[in-house]
């Protein structure tokens, strides 16, 4: 239970930071920010693994805060480009 709450808190922080650093308004609520942060963390951990030779047994590895925020910004960009 503690890991779920921790994931929600970190996801929210990452989502808010990504929305802050992304140019222009990004309107979304609490749940959207949490989901954005979690997706950004997954993307921020998955993309570097594509280019490095590191092949671990885990399907996804959580990135650091900077990688998570950059991943979340990439998610915002892709969602806006596709819609």
N, C-alpha and C. Protein backbone atom coordinates (compact mmCIF):
# COMPACT_ATOMS: atom_id res chain seq x y z
N UNK A 1 0.82 -1.20 0.00
CA UNK A 1 0.00 0.00 0.00
C UNK A 1 0.86 1.26 0.00
N UNK A 2 1.98 1.19 0.69
CA UNK A 2 2.88 2.34 0.76
C UNK A 2 3.51 2.67 -0.59
N UNK A 3 3.78 1.65 -1.41
CA UNK A 3 4.36 1.88 -2.72
C UNK A 3 3.36 2.57 -3.64
N UNK A 4 2.09 2.22 -3.52
CA UNK A 4 1.06 2.84 -4.36
C UNK A 4 0.94 4.32 -4.01
N UNK A 5 0.89 4.63 -2.74
CA UNK A 5 0.79 6.03 -2.31
C UNK A 5 2.04 6.79 -2.72
N UNK A 6 3.20 6.18 -2.57
CA UNK A 6 4.45 6.82 -3.00
C UNK A 6 4.48 7.07 -4.50
N UNK A 7 3.97 6.11 -5.29
CA UNK A 7 3.91 6.28 -6.74
C UNK A 7 2.98 7.43 -7.11
N UNK A 8 1.86 7.53 -6.43
CA UNK A 8 0.91 8.62 -6.70
C UNK A 8 1.54 9.97 -6.36
N UNK A 9 2.22 10.05 -5.24
CA UNK A 9 2.84 11.32 -4.83
C UNK A 9 3.94 11.73 -5.81
N UNK A 10 4.83 10.79 -6.15
CA UNK A 10 5.91 11.10 -7.09
C UNK A 10 5.33 11.41 -8.47
N UNK A 11 4.31 10.66 -8.90
CA UNK A 11 3.66 10.94 -10.18
C UNK A 11 3.07 12.33 -10.22
N UNK A 12 2.46 12.74 -9.13
CA UNK A 12 1.88 14.08 -9.08
C UNK A 12 2.97 15.15 -9.17
N UNK A 13 4.05 14.98 -8.43
CA UNK A 13 5.14 15.95 -8.46
C UNK A 13 5.74 16.04 -9.86
N UNK A 14 6.00 14.90 -10.48
CA UNK A 14 6.57 14.88 -11.83
C UNK A 14 5.59 15.51 -12.82
N UNK A 15 4.30 15.18 -12.71
CA UNK A 15 3.30 15.76 -13.60
C UNK A 15 3.21 17.27 -13.49
N UNK A 16 3.23 17.77 -12.26
CA UNK A 16 3.17 19.22 -12.05
C UNK A 16 4.42 19.90 -12.61
N UNK A 17 5.59 19.31 -12.37
CA UNK A 17 6.83 19.89 -12.90
C UNK A 17 6.83 19.89 -14.43
N UNK A 18 6.36 18.81 -15.04
CA UNK A 18 6.32 18.75 -16.50
C UNK A 18 5.37 19.80 -17.05
N UNK A 19 4.22 19.96 -16.40
CA UNK A 19 3.27 20.99 -16.85
C UNK A 19 3.86 22.38 -16.69
N UNK A 20 4.66 22.59 -15.64
CA UNK A 20 5.28 23.89 -15.40
C UNK A 20 6.32 24.20 -16.49
N UNK A 21 7.14 23.22 -16.86
CA UNK A 21 8.22 23.45 -17.81
C UNK A 21 7.77 23.39 -19.27
N UNK A 22 6.61 22.80 -19.55
CA UNK A 22 6.12 22.74 -20.92
C UNK A 22 5.60 24.11 -21.32
N UNK A 23 6.02 24.62 -22.50
CA UNK A 23 5.55 25.95 -22.89
C UNK A 23 4.06 25.94 -23.25
N UNK A 24 3.35 26.88 -22.74
CA UNK A 24 1.91 26.98 -23.01
C UNK A 24 1.11 26.30 -21.92
N UNK A 25 -0.18 26.54 -21.92
CA UNK A 25 -1.03 25.96 -20.89
C UNK A 25 -1.27 24.47 -21.13
N UNK A 26 -1.28 23.72 -20.04
CA UNK A 26 -1.59 22.29 -20.09
C UNK A 26 -2.67 22.05 -19.04
N UNK A 27 -3.94 22.22 -19.44
CA UNK A 27 -5.02 22.09 -18.46
C UNK A 27 -5.33 20.62 -18.15
N UNK A 28 -5.20 20.27 -16.89
CA UNK A 28 -5.59 18.94 -16.41
C UNK A 28 -5.67 18.99 -14.89
N UNK A 29 -6.41 18.07 -14.34
CA UNK A 29 -6.62 18.02 -12.90
C UNK A 29 -5.60 17.13 -12.19
N UNK A 30 -5.94 16.76 -10.97
CA UNK A 30 -5.06 15.96 -10.13
C UNK A 30 -4.78 14.59 -10.74
N UNK A 31 -5.84 13.91 -11.17
CA UNK A 31 -5.68 12.56 -11.72
C UNK A 31 -4.86 12.63 -13.01
N UNK A 32 -5.11 13.61 -13.85
CA UNK A 32 -4.34 13.77 -15.08
C UNK A 32 -2.87 14.02 -14.80
N UNK A 33 -2.58 14.82 -13.78
CA UNK A 33 -1.19 15.09 -13.42
C UNK A 33 -0.49 13.83 -12.91
N UNK A 34 -1.20 13.03 -12.11
CA UNK A 34 -0.63 11.79 -11.59
C UNK A 34 -0.34 10.83 -12.74
N UNK A 35 -1.32 10.65 -13.63
CA UNK A 35 -1.13 9.75 -14.77
C UNK A 35 -0.02 10.23 -15.70
N UNK A 36 0.06 11.53 -15.90
CA UNK A 36 1.13 12.11 -16.71
C UNK A 36 2.49 11.82 -16.08
N UNK A 37 2.60 12.00 -14.78
CA UNK A 37 3.86 11.75 -14.10
C UNK A 37 4.27 10.29 -14.14
N UNK A 38 3.31 9.38 -13.98
CA UNK A 38 3.62 7.95 -14.03
C UNK A 38 4.04 7.55 -15.45
N UNK A 39 3.30 8.02 -16.45
CA UNK A 39 3.67 7.73 -17.85
C UNK A 39 5.03 8.34 -18.18
N UNK A 40 5.27 9.54 -17.71
CA UNK A 40 6.56 10.18 -17.94
C UNK A 40 7.71 9.42 -17.32
N UNK A 41 7.48 8.84 -16.16
CA UNK A 41 8.51 8.04 -15.51
C UNK A 41 8.80 6.77 -16.31
N UNK A 42 7.75 6.15 -16.82
CA UNK A 42 7.94 4.95 -17.64
C UNK A 42 8.67 5.28 -18.94
N UNK A 43 8.25 6.36 -19.60
CA UNK A 43 8.91 6.78 -20.84
C UNK A 43 10.34 7.21 -20.57
N UNK A 44 10.53 7.95 -19.48
CA UNK A 44 11.87 8.42 -19.13
C UNK A 44 12.81 7.29 -18.77
N UNK A 45 12.30 6.15 -18.37
CA UNK A 45 13.15 5.00 -18.08
C UNK A 45 13.29 4.07 -19.27
N UNK A 46 12.30 4.06 -20.17
CA UNK A 46 12.31 3.14 -21.30
C UNK A 46 13.14 3.65 -22.46
N UNK A 47 13.05 4.92 -22.78
CA UNK A 47 13.75 5.49 -23.93
C UNK A 47 15.27 5.35 -23.80
N UNK A 48 15.88 5.68 -22.67
CA UNK A 48 17.34 5.50 -22.58
C UNK A 48 17.76 4.03 -22.72
N UNK A 49 16.90 3.11 -22.26
CA UNK A 49 17.24 1.69 -22.40
C UNK A 49 17.27 1.25 -23.85
N UNK A 50 16.51 1.93 -24.72
CA UNK A 50 16.52 1.59 -26.13
C UNK A 50 17.88 1.84 -26.77
N UNK A 51 18.55 2.89 -26.31
CA UNK A 51 19.80 3.29 -26.92
C UNK A 51 21.02 2.75 -26.20
N UNK A 52 20.86 2.24 -25.02
CA UNK A 52 21.99 1.66 -24.30
C UNK A 52 21.94 0.14 -24.45
N UNK A 53 23.01 -0.49 -24.12
CA UNK A 53 23.06 -1.94 -24.22
C UNK A 53 22.52 -2.63 -22.99
N UNK A 54 21.96 -1.89 -22.05
CA UNK A 54 21.48 -2.47 -20.80
C UNK A 54 20.16 -3.19 -21.03
N UNK A 55 20.19 -4.50 -20.92
CA UNK A 55 18.98 -5.30 -21.08
C UNK A 55 18.73 -6.06 -19.78
N UNK A 56 17.98 -5.44 -18.89
CA UNK A 56 17.69 -6.10 -17.63
C UNK A 56 16.45 -6.95 -17.78
N UNK A 57 16.11 -7.70 -16.75
CA UNK A 57 14.95 -8.58 -16.80
C UNK A 57 13.65 -7.83 -16.53
N UNK A 58 13.71 -6.65 -15.95
CA UNK A 58 12.51 -5.87 -15.66
C UNK A 58 12.00 -5.22 -16.95
N UNK A 59 10.68 -5.23 -17.18
CA UNK A 59 10.17 -4.64 -18.41
C UNK A 59 10.33 -3.12 -18.45
N UNK A 60 10.20 -2.47 -17.33
CA UNK A 60 10.39 -1.02 -17.24
C UNK A 60 11.21 -0.73 -15.99
N UNK A 61 12.01 0.30 -16.07
CA UNK A 61 12.75 0.76 -14.90
C UNK A 61 12.40 2.22 -14.68
N UNK A 62 12.07 2.57 -13.46
CA UNK A 62 11.75 3.98 -13.21
C UNK A 62 12.99 4.86 -13.37
N UNK A 63 12.82 5.98 -13.97
CA UNK A 63 13.92 6.91 -14.18
C UNK A 63 14.06 7.82 -12.97
N UNK A 64 15.11 8.61 -12.97
CA UNK A 64 15.27 9.63 -11.96
C UNK A 64 14.27 10.74 -12.20
N UNK A 65 14.25 11.70 -11.32
CA UNK A 65 13.27 12.79 -11.43
C UNK A 65 13.45 13.57 -12.73
N UNK A 66 14.69 13.85 -13.13
CA UNK A 66 14.91 14.61 -14.35
C UNK A 66 14.43 13.82 -15.56
N UNK A 67 14.78 12.54 -15.62
CA UNK A 67 14.33 11.71 -16.73
C UNK A 67 12.82 11.57 -16.74
N UNK A 68 12.22 11.50 -15.58
CA UNK A 68 10.76 11.39 -15.50
C UNK A 68 10.08 12.65 -16.01
N UNK A 69 10.61 13.81 -15.62
CA UNK A 69 10.02 15.08 -16.08
C UNK A 69 10.20 15.22 -17.59
N UNK A 70 11.39 14.86 -18.11
CA UNK A 70 11.60 14.92 -19.55
C UNK A 70 10.68 13.95 -20.29
N UNK A 71 10.49 12.77 -19.72
CA UNK A 71 9.57 11.82 -20.31
C UNK A 71 8.14 12.33 -20.31
N UNK A 72 7.73 12.98 -19.24
CA UNK A 72 6.38 13.54 -19.16
C UNK A 72 6.20 14.69 -20.15
N UNK A 73 7.23 15.50 -20.34
CA UNK A 73 7.16 16.57 -21.34
C UNK A 73 7.02 15.95 -22.73
N UNK A 74 7.73 14.87 -22.99
CA UNK A 74 7.60 14.17 -24.27
C UNK A 74 6.20 13.62 -24.45
N UNK A 75 5.60 13.10 -23.38
CA UNK A 75 4.23 12.59 -23.46
C UNK A 75 3.26 13.73 -23.78
N UNK A 76 3.42 14.88 -23.14
CA UNK A 76 2.56 16.03 -23.44
C UNK A 76 2.70 16.42 -24.91
N UNK A 77 3.94 16.47 -25.39
CA UNK A 77 4.18 16.85 -26.79
C UNK A 77 3.52 15.86 -27.74
N UNK A 78 3.68 14.57 -27.48
CA UNK A 78 3.10 13.56 -28.37
C UNK A 78 1.57 13.59 -28.36
N UNK A 79 0.98 13.78 -27.19
CA UNK A 79 -0.49 13.84 -27.09
C UNK A 79 -1.01 15.06 -27.84
N UNK A 80 -0.33 16.17 -27.71
CA UNK A 80 -0.78 17.39 -28.42
C UNK A 80 -0.56 17.26 -29.91
N UNK A 81 0.51 16.60 -30.33
CA UNK A 81 0.78 16.43 -31.76
C UNK A 81 -0.22 15.49 -32.41
N UNK A 82 -0.68 14.48 -31.68
CA UNK A 82 -1.61 13.51 -32.23
C UNK A 82 -3.07 13.96 -32.19
N UNK A 83 -3.36 14.96 -31.36
CA UNK A 83 -4.77 15.40 -31.26
C UNK A 83 -5.01 16.68 -32.01
